[in-house]
Amino acid sequence: MYAERLLDHFQNPRNVGTLDPPAAMAEASNPACGDTLRLWARFEGGVAVEVRYQVRGCTASIAAGSALTEWLAGKSRAAMRAFRAEMVEEAVGGLEPESKHAAVLCADAVKKLAAGAPPDL
C-alpha cells in the first residue's frame, strides 16, 4: 500500500523537533482529517540552513513532513514559494488517493513559511 520511501520516512523521521526564534514558524492543518503540521526554518543569507517539523496525523502526513524538511534544506524563499504538493508526493515515492491530503498540508505550510520568513539573519 505505501511506497518504500514513505515507509522509511515514517519509521525513521528526519528533522523532528522545533527551532527557537529567530527561526520562522508556520502551521497548517486539514480540518477534514484533523492533521496538523508545524514547520520551522532558520535562514542565513536568504537560504534555509536548518529545518524542523512536528506533525500530528496519519502515516502519510508524518512521512511527508520528514521528506519536506529534507527538500527545504538549502532552499531560498523564492524556491519555497514555487513548491507544489506534487513535489513532496514524489519525494515519498507517491501517495494513495486517500493520502494526498498529506502533500497538500505540506504545500500549505511551506507557503506560509515562505511568506512569514524573517529577513536574512
PDB file of N, CA and C in Angstrom:
ATOM      1  N   MET A   1       0.829  -1.198   0.000  1.00  0.00           N
ATOM      2  CA  MET A   1       0.000   0.000   0.000  1.00  0.00           C
ATOM      3  C   MET A   1       0.871   1.260   0.000  1.00  0.00           C
ATOM      4  N   TYR A   2       1.794   1.387   0.947  1.00  0.00           N
ATOM      5  CA  TYR A   2       2.663   2.570   0.994  1.00  0.00           C
ATOM      6  C   TYR A   2       3.970   2.292   0.255  1.00  0.00           C
ATOM      7  N   ALA A   3       4.511   3.338  -0.358  1.00  0.00           N
ATOM      8  CA  ALA A   3       5.790   3.239  -1.053  1.00  0.00           C
ATOM      9  C   ALA A   3       6.914   3.020  -0.033  1.00  0.00           C
ATOM     10  N   GLU A   4       7.983   2.399  -0.486  1.00  0.00           N
ATOM     11  CA  GLU A   4       9.117   2.109   0.394  1.00  0.00           C
ATOM     12  C   GLU A   4       9.716   3.387   0.982  1.00  0.00           C
ATOM     13  N   ARG A   5       9.852   4.439   0.168  1.00  0.00           N
ATOM     14  CA  ARG A   5      10.408   5.708   0.675  1.00  0.00           C
ATOM     15  C   ARG A   5       9.503   6.318   1.721  1.00  0.00           C
ATOM     16  N   LEU A   6       8.193   6.228   1.520  1.00  0.00           N
ATOM     17  CA  LEU A   6       7.257   6.766   2.502  1.00  0.00           C
ATOM     18  C   LEU A   6       7.416   6.025   3.826  1.00  0.00           C
ATOM     19  N   LEU A   7       7.480   4.712   3.762  1.00  0.00           N
ATOM     20  CA  LEU A   7       7.637   3.940   4.996  1.00  0.00           C
ATOM     21  C   LEU A   7       8.953   4.251   5.694  1.00  0.00           C
ATOM     22  N   ASP A   8      10.009   4.483   4.924  1.00  0.00           N
ATOM     23  CA  ASP A   8      11.289   4.839   5.533  1.00  0.00           C
ATOM     24  C   ASP A   8      11.181   6.163   6.284  1.00  0.00           C
ATOM     25  N   HIS A   9      10.542   7.164   5.677  1.00  0.00           N
ATOM     26  CA  HIS A   9      10.368   8.460   6.357  1.00  0.00           C
ATOM     27  C   HIS A   9       9.462   8.331   7.577  1.00  0.00           C
ATOM     28  N   PHE A  10       8.470   7.443   7.505  1.00  0.00           N
ATOM     29  CA  PHE A  10       7.579   7.249   8.649  1.00  0.00           C
ATOM     30  C   PHE A  10       8.312   6.550   9.791  1.00  0.00           C
ATOM     31  N   GLN A  11       9.069   5.518   9.476  1.00  0.00           N
ATOM     32  CA  GLN A  11       9.750   4.745  10.505  1.00  0.00           C
ATOM     33  C   GLN A  11      11.014   5.417  11.019  1.00  0.00           C
ATOM     34  N   ASN A  12      11.616   6.268  10.203  1.00  0.00           N
ATOM     35  CA  ASN A  12      12.855   6.963  10.564  1.00  0.00           C
ATOM     36  C   ASN A  12      12.727   8.452  10.221  1.00  0.00           C
ATOM     37  N   PRO A  13      11.807   9.148  10.876  1.00  0.00           N
ATOM     38  CA  PRO A  13      11.578  10.552  10.510  1.00  0.00           C
ATOM     39  C   PRO A  13      12.822  11.409  10.737  1.00  0.00           C
ATOM     40  N   ARG A  14      13.067  12.285   9.798  1.00  0.00           N
ATOM     41  CA  ARG A  14      14.204  13.196   9.856  1.00  0.00           C
ATOM     42  C   ARG A  14      13.753  14.566  10.371  1.00  0.00           C
ATOM     43  N   ASN A  15      14.641  15.242  11.069  1.00  0.00           N
ATOM     44  CA  ASN A  15      14.467  16.652  11.445  1.00  0.00           C
ATOM     45  C   ASN A  15      13.226  16.921  12.293  1.00  0.00           C
ATOM     46  N   VAL A  16      12.902  16.018  13.189  1.00  0.00           N
ATOM     47  CA  VAL A  16      11.766  16.209  14.090  1.00  0.00           C
ATOM     48  C   VAL A  16      12.180  17.161  15.207  1.00  0.00           C
ATOM     49  N   GLY A  17      11.314  18.080  15.534  1.00  0.00           N
ATOM     50  CA  GLY A  17      11.581  18.988  16.641  1.00  0.00           C
ATOM     51  C   GLY A  17      11.200  20.406  16.303  1.00  0.00           C
ATOM     52  N   THR A  18      11.720  21.331  17.099  1.00  0.00           N
ATOM     53  CA  THR A  18      11.416  22.751  16.947  1.00  0.00           C
ATOM     54  C   THR A  18      12.721  23.534  16.844  1.00  0.00           C
ATOM     55  N   LEU A  19      12.598  24.783  16.457  1.00  0.00           N
ATOM     56  CA  LEU A  19      13.735  25.710  16.451  1.00  0.00           C
ATOM     57  C   LEU A  19      13.318  26.965  17.207  1.00  0.00           C
ATOM     58  N   ASP A  20      14.246  27.523  17.953  1.00  0.00           N
ATOM     59  CA  ASP A  20      13.979  28.758  18.685  1.00  0.00           C
ATOM     60  C   ASP A  20      14.043  29.961  17.755  1.00  0.00           C
ATOM     61  N   PRO A  21      13.357  31.046  18.138  1.00  0.00           N
ATOM     62  CA  PRO A  21      13.482  32.284  17.374  1.00  0.00           C
ATOM     63  C   PRO A  21      14.934  32.709  17.325  1.00  0.00           C
ATOM     64  N   PRO A  22      15.344  33.294  16.237  1.00  0.00           N
ATOM     65  CA  PRO A  22      14.559  33.957  15.210  1.00  0.00           C
ATOM     66  C   PRO A  22      14.113  33.061  14.055  1.00  0.00           C
ATOM     67  N   ALA A  23      14.104  31.757  14.225  1.00  0.00           N
ATOM     68  CA  ALA A  23      13.601  30.877  13.165  1.00  0.00           C
ATOM     69  C   ALA A  23      12.145  31.220  12.864  1.00  0.00           C
ATOM     70  N   ALA A  24      11.790  31.071  11.604  1.00  0.00           N
ATOM     71  CA  ALA A  24      10.403  31.277  11.181  1.00  0.00           C
ATOM     72  C   ALA A  24       9.617  30.007  11.476  1.00  0.00           C
ATOM     73  N   MET A  25       8.325  30.163  11.794  1.00  0.00           N
ATOM     74  CA  MET A  25       7.463  29.023  12.059  1.00  0.00           C
ATOM     75  C   MET A  25       6.150  29.207  11.317  1.00  0.00           C
ATOM     76  N   ALA A  26       5.646  28.106  10.773  1.00  0.00           N
ATOM     77  CA  ALA A  26       4.339  28.125  10.110  1.00  0.00           C
ATOM     78  C   ALA A  26       3.572  26.889  10.534  1.00  0.00           C
ATOM     79  N   GLU A  27       2.270  27.001  10.572  1.00  0.00           N
ATOM     80  CA  GLU A  27       1.407  25.877  10.926  1.00  0.00           C
ATOM     81  C   GLU A  27       0.300  25.763   9.899  1.00  0.00           C
ATOM     82  N   ALA A  28       0.022  24.543   9.500  1.00  0.00           N
ATOM     83  CA  ALA A  28      -1.081  24.275   8.586  1.00  0.00           C
ATOM     84  C   ALA A  28      -1.867  23.092   9.138  1.00  0.00           C
ATOM     85  N   SER A  29      -3.158  23.105   8.886  1.00  0.00           N
ATOM     86  CA  SER A  29      -3.976  21.987   9.345  1.00  0.00           C
ATOM     87  C   SER A  29      -5.020  21.661   8.290  1.00  0.00           C
ATOM     88  N   ASN A  30      -5.490  20.439   8.355  1.00  0.00           N
ATOM     89  CA  ASN A  30      -6.531  19.966   7.460  1.00  0.00           C
ATOM     90  C   ASN A  30      -7.774  19.736   8.312  1.00  0.00           C
ATOM     91  N   PRO A  31      -8.764  20.610   8.191  1.00  0.00           N
ATOM     92  CA  PRO A  31      -9.938  20.469   9.046  1.00  0.00           C
ATOM     93  C   PRO A  31     -10.741  19.192   8.773  1.00  0.00           C
ATOM     94  N   ALA A  32     -10.612  18.627   7.590  1.00  0.00           N
ATOM     95  CA  ALA A  32     -11.368  17.416   7.261  1.00  0.00           C
ATOM     96  C   ALA A  32     -10.856  16.195   8.020  1.00  0.00           C
ATOM     97  N   CYS A  33      -9.515  16.071   8.136  1.00  0.00           N
ATOM     98  CA  CYS A  33      -8.964  14.875   8.798  1.00  0.00           C
ATOM     99  C   CYS A  33      -8.339  15.188  10.151  1.00  0.00           C
ATOM    100  N   GLY A  34      -8.072  16.461  10.426  1.00  0.00           N
ATOM    101  CA  GLY A  34      -7.511  16.851  11.712  1.00  0.00           C
ATOM    102  C   GLY A  34      -5.994  16.868  11.776  1.00  0.00           C
ATOM    103  N   ASP A  35      -5.311  16.523  10.681  1.00  0.00           N
ATOM    104  CA  ASP A  35      -3.844  16.546  10.681  1.00  0.00           C
ATOM    105  C   ASP A  35      -3.338  17.984  10.812  1.00  0.00           C
ATOM    106  N   THR A  36      -2.256  18.154  11.572  1.00  0.00           N
ATOM    107  CA  THR A  36      -1.633  19.460  11.763  1.00  0.00           C
ATOM    108  C   THR A  36      -0.129  19.326  11.582  1.00  0.00           C
ATOM    109  N   LEU A  37       0.457  20.251  10.833  1.00  0.00           N
ATOM    110  CA  LEU A  37       1.895  20.284  10.586  1.00  0.00           C
ATOM    111  C   LEU A  37       2.443  21.622  11.039  1.00  0.00           C
ATOM    112  N   ARG A  38       3.480  21.583  11.877  1.00  0.00           N
ATOM    113  CA  ARG A  38       4.222  22.787  12.258  1.00  0.00           C
ATOM    114  C   ARG A  38       5.606  22.659  11.643  1.00  0.00           C
ATOM    115  N   LEU A  39       6.059  23.745  11.048  1.00  0.00           N
ATOM    116  CA  LEU A  39       7.304  23.744  10.292  1.00  0.00           C
ATOM    117  C   LEU A  39       8.136  24.941  10.713  1.00  0.00           C
ATOM    118  N   TRP A  40       9.419  24.710  11.024  1.00  0.00           N
ATOM    119  CA  TRP A  40      10.349  25.767  11.411  1.00  0.00           C
ATOM    120  C   TRP A  40      11.514  25.792  10.440  1.00  0.00           C
ATOM    121  N   ALA A  41      12.038  26.994  10.177  1.00  0.00           N
ATOM    122  CA  ALA A  41      13.250  27.124   9.359  1.00  0.00           C
ATOM    123  C   ALA A  41      14.071  28.297   9.866  1.00  0.00           C
ATOM    124  N   ARG A  42      15.378  28.068   9.930  1.00  0.00           N
ATOM    125  CA  ARG A  42      16.320  29.144  10.264  1.00  0.00           C
ATOM    126  C   ARG A  42      17.024  29.501   8.968  1.00  0.00           C
ATOM    127  N   PHE A  43      17.006  30.796   8.663  1.00  0.00           N
ATOM    128  CA  PHE A  43      17.556  31.306   7.412  1.00  0.00           C
ATOM    129  C   PHE A  43      18.877  32.025   7.632  1.00  0.00           C
ATOM    130  N   GLU A  44      19.788  31.835   6.715  1.00  0.00           N
ATOM    131  CA  GLU A  44      21.032  32.597   6.640  1.00  0.00           C
ATOM    132  C   GLU A  44      21.258  32.932   5.180  1.00  0.00           C
ATOM    133  N   GLY A  45      21.476  34.210   4.910  1.00  0.00           N
ATOM    134  CA  GLY A  45      21.698  34.622   3.536  1.00  0.00           C
ATOM    135  C   GLY A  45      20.532  34.304   2.624  1.00  0.00           C
ATOM    136  N   GLY A  46      19.328  34.298   3.160  1.00  0.00           N
ATOM    137  CA  GLY A  46      18.144  34.040   2.354  1.00  0.00           C
ATOM    138  C   GLY A  46      17.873  32.570   2.079  1.00  0.00           C
ATOM    139  N   VAL A  47      18.625  31.682   2.726  1.00  0.00           N
ATOM    140  CA  VAL A  47      18.505  30.247   2.482  1.00  0.00           C
ATOM    141  C   VAL A  47      18.190  29.533   3.796  1.00  0.00           C
ATOM    142  N   ALA A  48      17.325  28.541   3.740  1.00  0.00           N
ATOM    143  CA  ALA A  48      17.006  27.735   4.924  1.00  0.00           C
ATOM    144  C   ALA A  48      18.189  26.837   5.240  1.00  0.00           C
ATOM    145  N   VAL A  49      18.834  27.089   6.371  1.00  0.00           N
ATOM    146  CA  VAL A  49      20.010  26.302   6.749  1.00  0.00           C
ATOM    147  C   VAL A  49      19.679  25.228   7.783  1.00  0.00           C
ATOM    148  N   GLU A  50      18.541  25.361   8.418  1.00  0.00           N
ATOM    149  CA  GLU A  50      18.110  24.366   9.397  1.00  0.00           C
ATOM    150  C   GLU A  50      16.591  24.316   9.365  1.00  0.00           C
ATOM    151  N   VAL A  51      16.038  23.110   9.318  1.00  0.00           N
ATOM    152  CA  VAL A  51      14.593  22.932   9.204  1.00  0.00           C
ATOM    153  C   VAL A  51      14.159  21.836  10.179  1.00  0.00           C
ATOM    154  N   ARG A  52      13.037  22.061  10.853  1.00  0.00           N
ATOM    155  CA  ARG A  52      12.475  21.077  11.770  1.00  0.00           C
ATOM    156  C   ARG A  52      10.955  21.026  11.560  1.00  0.00           C
ATOM    157  N   TYR A  53      10.358  19.933  12.037  1.00  0.00           N
ATOM    158  CA  TYR A  53       8.904  19.826  11.934  1.00  0.00           C
ATOM    159  C   TYR A  53       8.333  19.007  13.073  1.00  0.00           C
ATOM    160  N   GLN A  54       7.051  19.215  13.306  1.00  0.00           N
ATOM    161  CA  GLN A  54       6.240  18.390  14.183  1.00  0.00           C
ATOM    162  C   GLN A  54       4.920  18.178  13.463  1.00  0.00           C
ATOM    163  N   VAL A  55       4.403  16.976  13.554  1.00  0.00           N
ATOM    164  CA  VAL A  55       3.126  16.689  12.908  1.00  0.00           C
ATOM    165  C   VAL A  55       2.281  15.820  13.812  1.00  0.00           C
ATOM    166  N   ARG A  56       1.006  16.093  13.776  1.00  0.00           N
ATOM    167  CA  ARG A  56       0.022  15.230  14.423  1.00  0.00           C
ATOM    168  C   ARG A  56      -0.869  14.763  13.289  1.00  0.00           C
ATOM    169  N   GLY A  57      -0.763  13.477  12.977  1.00  0.00           N
ATOM    170  CA  GLY A  57      -1.555  12.993  11.865  1.00  0.00           C
ATOM    171  C   GLY A  57      -1.250  11.557  11.494  1.00  0.00           C
ATOM    172  N   CYS A  58      -1.642  11.217  10.322  1.00  0.00           N
ATOM    173  CA  CYS A  58      -1.544   9.852   9.818  1.00  0.00           C
ATOM    174  C   CYS A  58      -0.129   9.522   9.350  1.00  0.00           C
ATOM    175  N   THR A  59       0.066   8.278   8.962  1.00  0.00           N
ATOM    176  CA  THR A  59       1.348   7.796   8.465  1.00  0.00           C
ATOM    177  C   THR A  59       1.855   8.668   7.322  1.00  0.00           C
ATOM    178  N   ALA A  60       0.988   8.974   6.372  1.00  0.00           N
ATOM    179  CA  ALA A  60       1.400   9.762   5.211  1.00  0.00           C
ATOM    180  C   ALA A  60       1.828  11.171   5.611  1.00  0.00           C
ATOM    181  N   SER A  61       1.142  11.795   6.542  1.00  0.00           N
ATOM    182  CA  SER A  61       1.495  13.148   6.966  1.00  0.00           C
ATOM    183  C   SER A  61       2.823  13.169   7.715  1.00  0.00           C
ATOM    184  N   ILE A  62       3.071  12.166   8.530  1.00  0.00           N
ATOM    185  CA  ILE A  62       4.346  12.084   9.244  1.00  0.00           C
ATOM    186  C   ILE A  62       5.492  11.919   8.253  1.00  0.00           C
ATOM    187  N   ALA A  63       5.323  11.015   7.303  1.00  0.00           N
ATOM    188  CA  ALA A  63       6.355  10.774   6.297  1.00  0.00           C
ATOM    189  C   ALA A  63       6.547  11.981   5.392  1.00  0.00           C
ATOM    190  N   ALA A  64       5.473  12.611   4.982  1.00  0.00           N
ATOM    191  CA  ALA A  64       5.568  13.777   4.098  1.00  0.00           C
ATOM    192  C   ALA A  64       6.288  14.926   4.797  1.00  0.00           C
ATOM    193  N   GLY A  65       6.017  15.136   6.086  1.00  0.00           N
ATOM    194  CA  GLY A  65       6.711  16.184   6.829  1.00  0.00           C
ATOM    195  C   GLY A  65       8.206  15.936   6.882  1.00  0.00           C
ATOM    196  N   SER A  66       8.596  14.693   7.097  1.00  0.00           N
ATOM    197  CA  SER A  66      10.012  14.335   7.125  1.00  0.00           C
ATOM    198  C   SER A  66      10.674  14.602   5.778  1.00  0.00           C
ATOM    199  N   ALA A  67      10.048  14.126   4.707  1.00  0.00           N
ATOM    200  CA  ALA A  67      10.596  14.339   3.357  1.00  0.00           C
ATOM    201  C   ALA A  67      10.649  15.827   3.033  1.00  0.00           C
ATOM    202  N   LEU A  68       9.651  16.568   3.479  1.00  0.00           N
ATOM    203  CA  LEU A  68       9.615  18.004   3.229  1.00  0.00           C
ATOM    204  C   LEU A  68      10.808  18.712   3.844  1.00  0.00           C
ATOM    205  N   THR A  69      11.177  18.337   5.059  1.00  0.00           N
ATOM    206  CA  THR A  69      12.319  19.015   5.694  1.00  0.00           C
ATOM    207  C   THR A  69      13.604  18.782   4.910  1.00  0.00           C
ATOM    208  N   GLU A  70      13.753  17.611   4.349  1.00  0.00           N
ATOM    209  CA  GLU A  70      14.934  17.347   3.522  1.00  0.00           C
ATOM    210  C   GLU A  70      14.913  18.199   2.263  1.00  0.00           C
ATOM    211  N   TRP A  71      13.748  18.366   1.668  1.00  0.00           N
ATOM    212  CA  TRP A  71      13.628  19.191   0.463  1.00  0.00           C
ATOM    213  C   TRP A  71      13.933  20.655   0.786  1.00  0.00           C
ATOM    214  N   LEU A  72      13.449  21.143   1.925  1.00  0.00           N
ATOM    215  CA  LEU A  72      13.579  22.560   2.273  1.00  0.00           C
ATOM    216  C   LEU A  72      15.012  22.991   2.580  1.00  0.00           C
ATOM    217  N   ALA A  73      15.820  22.088   3.095  1.00  0.00           N
ATOM    218  CA  ALA A  73      17.192  22.439   3.474  1.00  0.00           C
ATOM    219  C   ALA A  73      17.948  22.959   2.258  1.00  0.00           C
ATOM    220  N   GLY A  74      18.488  24.175   2.404  1.00  0.00           N
ATOM    221  CA  GLY A  74      19.251  24.791   1.330  1.00  0.00           C
ATOM    222  C   GLY A  74      18.418  25.566   0.321  1.00  0.00           C
ATOM    223  N   LYS A  75      17.111  25.642   0.539  1.00  0.00           N
ATOM    224  CA  LYS A  75      16.235  26.340  -0.411  1.00  0.00           C
ATOM    225  C   LYS A  75      16.025  27.797   0.000  1.00  0.00           C
ATOM    226  N   SER A  76      15.865  28.642  -1.000  1.00  0.00           N
ATOM    227  CA  SER A  76      15.551  30.054  -0.780  1.00  0.00           C
ATOM    228  C   SER A  76      14.045  30.216  -0.603  1.00  0.00           C
ATOM    229  N   ARG A  77      13.649  31.400  -0.148  1.00  0.00           N
ATOM    230  CA  ARG A  77      12.217  31.679  -0.030  1.00  0.00           C
ATOM    231  C   ARG A  77      11.545  31.611  -1.399  1.00  0.00           C
ATOM    232  N   ALA A  78      12.235  32.061  -2.451  1.00  0.00           N
ATOM    233  CA  ALA A  78      11.669  32.007  -3.805  1.00  0.00           C
ATOM    234  C   ALA A  78      11.392  30.561  -4.207  1.00  0.00           C
ATOM    235  N   ALA A  79      12.319  29.663  -3.915  1.00  0.00           N
ATOM    236  CA  ALA A  79      12.104  28.242  -4.218  1.00  0.00           C
ATOM    237  C   ALA A  79      10.933  27.698  -3.411  1.00  0.00           C
ATOM    238  N   MET A  80      10.816  28.150  -2.165  1.00  0.00           N
ATOM    239  CA  MET A  80       9.703  27.699  -1.331  1.00  0.00           C
ATOM    240  C   MET A  80       8.368  28.162  -1.896  1.00  0.00           C
ATOM    241  N   ARG A  81       8.327  29.379  -2.412  1.00  0.00           N
ATOM    242  CA  ARG A  81       7.085  29.889  -2.983  1.00  0.00           C
ATOM    243  C   ARG A  81       6.665  29.095  -4.217  1.00  0.00           C
ATOM    244  N   ALA A  82       7.623  28.456  -4.885  1.00  0.00           N
ATOM    245  CA  ALA A  82       7.335  27.644  -6.071  1.00  0.00           C
ATOM    246  C   ALA A  82       6.985  26.197  -5.716  1.00  0.00           C
ATOM    247  N   PHE A  83       7.018  25.846  -4.439  1.00  0.00           N
ATOM    248  CA  PHE A  83       6.754  24.480  -4.005  1.00  0.00           C
ATOM    249  C   PHE A  83       5.323  24.077  -4.336  1.00  0.00           C
ATOM    250  N   ARG A  84       5.161  22.854  -4.774  1.00  0.00           N
ATOM    251  CA  ARG A  84       3.843  22.298  -5.085  1.00  0.00           C
ATOM    252  C   ARG A  84       3.673  20.959  -4.366  1.00  0.00           C
ATOM    253  N   ALA A  85       2.456  20.606  -4.057  1.00  0.00           N
ATOM    254  CA  ALA A  85       2.162  19.357  -3.350  1.00  0.00           C
ATOM    255  C   ALA A  85       2.760  18.150  -4.055  1.00  0.00           C
ATOM    256  N   GLU A  86       2.777  18.165  -5.359  1.00  0.00           N
ATOM    257  CA  GLU A  86       3.302  17.044  -6.130  1.00  0.00           C
ATOM    258  C   GLU A  86       4.779  16.788  -5.824  1.00  0.00           C
ATOM    259  N   MET A  87       5.498  17.811  -5.388  1.00  0.00           N
ATOM    260  CA  MET A  87       6.923  17.668  -5.104  1.00  0.00           C
ATOM    261  C   MET A  87       7.155  16.778  -3.886  1.00  0.00           C
ATOM    262  N   VAL A  88       6.363  16.928  -2.855  1.00  0.00           N
ATOM    263  CA  VAL A  88       6.524  16.067  -1.679  1.00  0.00           C
ATOM    264  C   VAL A  88       5.964  14.680  -1.967  1.00  0.00           C
ATOM    265  N   GLU A  89       4.929  14.621  -2.785  1.00  0.00           N
ATOM    266  CA  GLU A  89       4.390  13.315  -3.171  1.00  0.00           C
ATOM    267  C   GLU A  89       5.465  12.505  -3.899  1.00  0.00           C
ATOM    268  N   GLU A  90       6.186  13.153  -4.770  1.00  0.00           N
ATOM    269  CA  GLU A  90       7.291  12.489  -5.473  1.00  0.00           C
ATOM    270  C   GLU A  90       8.399  12.085  -4.494  1.00  0.00           C
ATOM    271  N   ALA A  91       8.681  12.949  -3.522  1.00  0.00           N
ATOM    272  CA  ALA A  91       9.756  12.688  -2.558  1.00  0.00           C
ATOM    273  C   ALA A  91       9.496  11.451  -1.703  1.00  0.00           C
ATOM    274  N   VAL A  92       8.232  11.111  -1.481  1.00  0.00           N
ATOM    275  CA  VAL A  92       7.916   9.927  -0.682  1.00  0.00           C
ATOM    276  C   VAL A  92       7.586   8.719  -1.548  1.00  0.00           C
ATOM    277  N   GLY A  93       7.742   8.851  -2.848  1.00  0.00           N
ATOM    278  CA  GLY A  93       7.500   7.720  -3.738  1.00  0.00           C
ATOM    279  C   GLY A  93       6.055   7.520  -4.127  1.00  0.00           C
ATOM    280  N   GLY A  94       5.249   8.562  -3.952  1.00  0.00           N
ATOM    281  CA  GLY A  94       3.840   8.505  -4.330  1.00  0.00           C
ATOM    282  C   GLY A  94       2.929   8.349  -3.128  1.00  0.00           C
ATOM    283  N   LEU A  95       1.700   8.787  -3.322  1.00  0.00           N
ATOM    284  CA  LEU A  95       0.677   8.697  -2.278  1.00  0.00           C
ATOM    285  C   LEU A  95      -0.595   8.103  -2.855  1.00  0.00           C
ATOM    286  N   GLU A  96      -1.253   7.288  -2.074  1.00  0.00           N
ATOM    287  CA  GLU A  96      -2.559   6.760  -2.450  1.00  0.00           C
ATOM    288  C   GLU A  96      -3.553   7.924  -2.482  1.00  0.00           C
ATOM    289  N   PRO A  97      -4.619   7.823  -3.278  1.00  0.00           N
ATOM    290  CA  PRO A  97      -5.586   8.928  -3.356  1.00  0.00           C
ATOM    291  C   PRO A  97      -6.088   9.408  -1.994  1.00  0.00           C
ATOM    292  N   GLU A  98      -6.315   8.487  -1.068  1.00  0.00           N
ATOM    293  CA  GLU A  98      -6.836   8.886   0.246  1.00  0.00           C
ATOM    294  C   GLU A  98      -5.777   9.538   1.133  1.00  0.00           C
ATOM    295  N   SER A  99      -4.518   9.532   0.689  1.00  0.00           N
ATOM    296  CA  SER A  99      -3.435  10.142   1.466  1.00  0.00           C
ATOM    297  C   SER A  99      -2.875  11.416   0.846  1.00  0.00           C
ATOM    298  N   LYS A 100      -3.417  11.843  -0.269  1.00  0.00           N
ATOM    299  CA  LYS A 100      -2.894  13.030  -0.950  1.00  0.00           C
ATOM    300  C   LYS A 100      -3.039  14.298  -0.121  1.00  0.00           C
ATOM    301  N   HIS A 101      -3.915  14.270   0.863  1.00  0.00           N
ATOM    302  CA  HIS A 101      -4.069  15.418   1.753  1.00  0.00           C
ATOM    303  C   HIS A 101      -2.755  15.758   2.466  1.00  0.00           C
ATOM    304  N   ALA A 102      -1.898  14.757   2.674  1.00  0.00           N
ATOM    305  CA  ALA A 102      -0.620  14.989   3.349  1.00  0.00           C
ATOM    306  C   ALA A 102       0.269  15.918   2.528  1.00  0.00           C
ATOM    307  N   ALA A 103       0.266  15.762   1.221  1.00  0.00           N
ATOM    308  CA  ALA A 103       1.060  16.618   0.339  1.00  0.00           C
ATOM    309  C   ALA A 103       0.492  18.039   0.319  1.00  0.00           C
ATOM    310  N   VAL A 104      -0.814  18.155   0.345  1.00  0.00           N
ATOM    311  CA  VAL A 104      -1.454  19.477   0.372  1.00  0.00           C
ATOM    312  C   VAL A 104      -1.132  20.177   1.684  1.00  0.00           C
ATOM    313  N   LEU A 105      -1.140  19.445   2.781  1.00  0.00           N
ATOM    314  CA  LEU A 105      -0.787  20.004   4.088  1.00  0.00           C
ATOM    315  C   LEU A 105       0.625  20.581   4.045  1.00  0.00           C
ATOM    316  N   CYS A 106       1.561  19.845   3.458  1.00  0.00           N
ATOM    317  CA  CYS A 106       2.947  20.319   3.328  1.00  0.00           C
ATOM    318  C   CYS A 106       3.013  21.584   2.486  1.00  0.00           C
ATOM    319  N   ALA A 107       2.325  21.589   1.358  1.00  0.00           N
ATOM    320  CA  ALA A 107       2.348  22.759   0.473  1.00  0.00           C
ATOM    321  C   ALA A 107       1.791  23.988   1.191  1.00  0.00           C
ATOM    322  N   ASP A 108       0.724  23.813   1.939  1.00  0.00           N
ATOM    323  CA  ASP A 108       0.143  24.935   2.689  1.00  0.00           C
ATOM    324  C   ASP A 108       1.139  25.479   3.708  1.00  0.00           C
ATOM    325  N   ALA A 109       1.825  24.593   4.422  1.00  0.00           N
ATOM    326  CA  ALA A 109       2.792  25.021   5.432  1.00  0.00           C
ATOM    327  C   ALA A 109       3.986  25.733   4.798  1.00  0.00           C
ATOM    328  N   VAL A 110       4.462  25.241   3.673  1.00  0.00           N
ATOM    329  CA  VAL A 110       5.613  25.862   3.012  1.00  0.00           C
ATOM    330  C   VAL A 110       5.263  27.263   2.533  1.00  0.00           C
ATOM    331  N   LYS A 111       4.083  27.431   1.972  1.00  0.00           N
ATOM    332  CA  LYS A 111       3.670  28.765   1.515  1.00  0.00           C
ATOM    333  C   LYS A 111       3.604  29.744   2.682  1.00  0.00           C
ATOM    334  N   LYS A 112       3.078  29.295   3.808  1.00  0.00           N
ATOM    335  CA  LYS A 112       3.012  30.152   4.996  1.00  0.00           C
ATOM    336  C   LYS A 112       4.410  30.456   5.521  1.00  0.00           C
ATOM    337  N   LEU A 113       5.281  29.450   5.510  1.00  0.00           N
ATOM    338  CA  LEU A 113       6.650  29.652   5.979  1.00  0.00           C
ATOM    339  C   LEU A 113       7.380  30.672   5.112  1.00  0.00           C
ATOM    340  N   ALA A 114       7.262  30.544   3.812  1.00  0.00           N
ATOM    341  CA  ALA A 114       7.936  31.465   2.895  1.00  0.00           C
ATOM    342  C   ALA A 114       7.401  32.886   3.053  1.00  0.00           C
ATOM    343  N   ALA A 115       6.110  33.014   3.278  1.00  0.00           N
ATOM    344  CA  ALA A 115       5.508  34.338   3.420  1.00  0.00           C
ATOM    345  C   ALA A 115       5.886  34.991   4.746  1.00  0.00           C
ATOM    346  N   GLY A 116       6.073  34.177   5.775  1.00  0.00           N
ATOM    347  CA  GLY A 116       6.338  34.733   7.101  1.00  0.00           C
ATOM    348  C   GLY A 116       7.783  34.676   7.532  1.00  0.00           C
ATOM    349  N   ALA A 117       8.654  34.251   6.630  1.00  0.00           N
ATOM    350  CA  ALA A 117      10.076  34.127   6.997  1.00  0.00           C
ATOM    351  C   ALA A 117      10.651  35.492   7.325  1.00  0.00           C
ATOM    352  N   PRO A 118      11.508  35.540   8.355  1.00  0.00           N
ATOM    353  CA  PRO A 118      12.122  36.815   8.725  1.00  0.00           C
ATOM    354  C   PRO A 118      13.150  37.247   7.693  1.00  0.00           C
ATOM    355  N   PRO A 119      13.552  38.498   7.743  1.00  0.00           N
ATOM    356  CA  PRO A 119      14.612  38.944   6.842  1.00  0.00           C
ATOM    357  C   PRO A 119      15.883  38.127   7.061  1.00  0.00           C
ATOM    358  N   ASP A 120      16.789  38.216   6.137  1.00  0.00           N
ATOM    359  CA  ASP A 120      18.041  37.472   6.247  1.00  0.00           C
ATOM    360  C   ASP A 120      18.681  37.705   7.600  1.00  0.00           C
ATOM    361  N   LEU A 121      19.117  36.633   8.206  1.00  0.00           N
ATOM    362  CA  LEU A 121      19.737  36.717   9.527  1.00  0.00           C
ATOM    363  C   LEU A 121      21.186  36.314   9.425  1.00  0.00           C
TER     364      LEU A 121
END
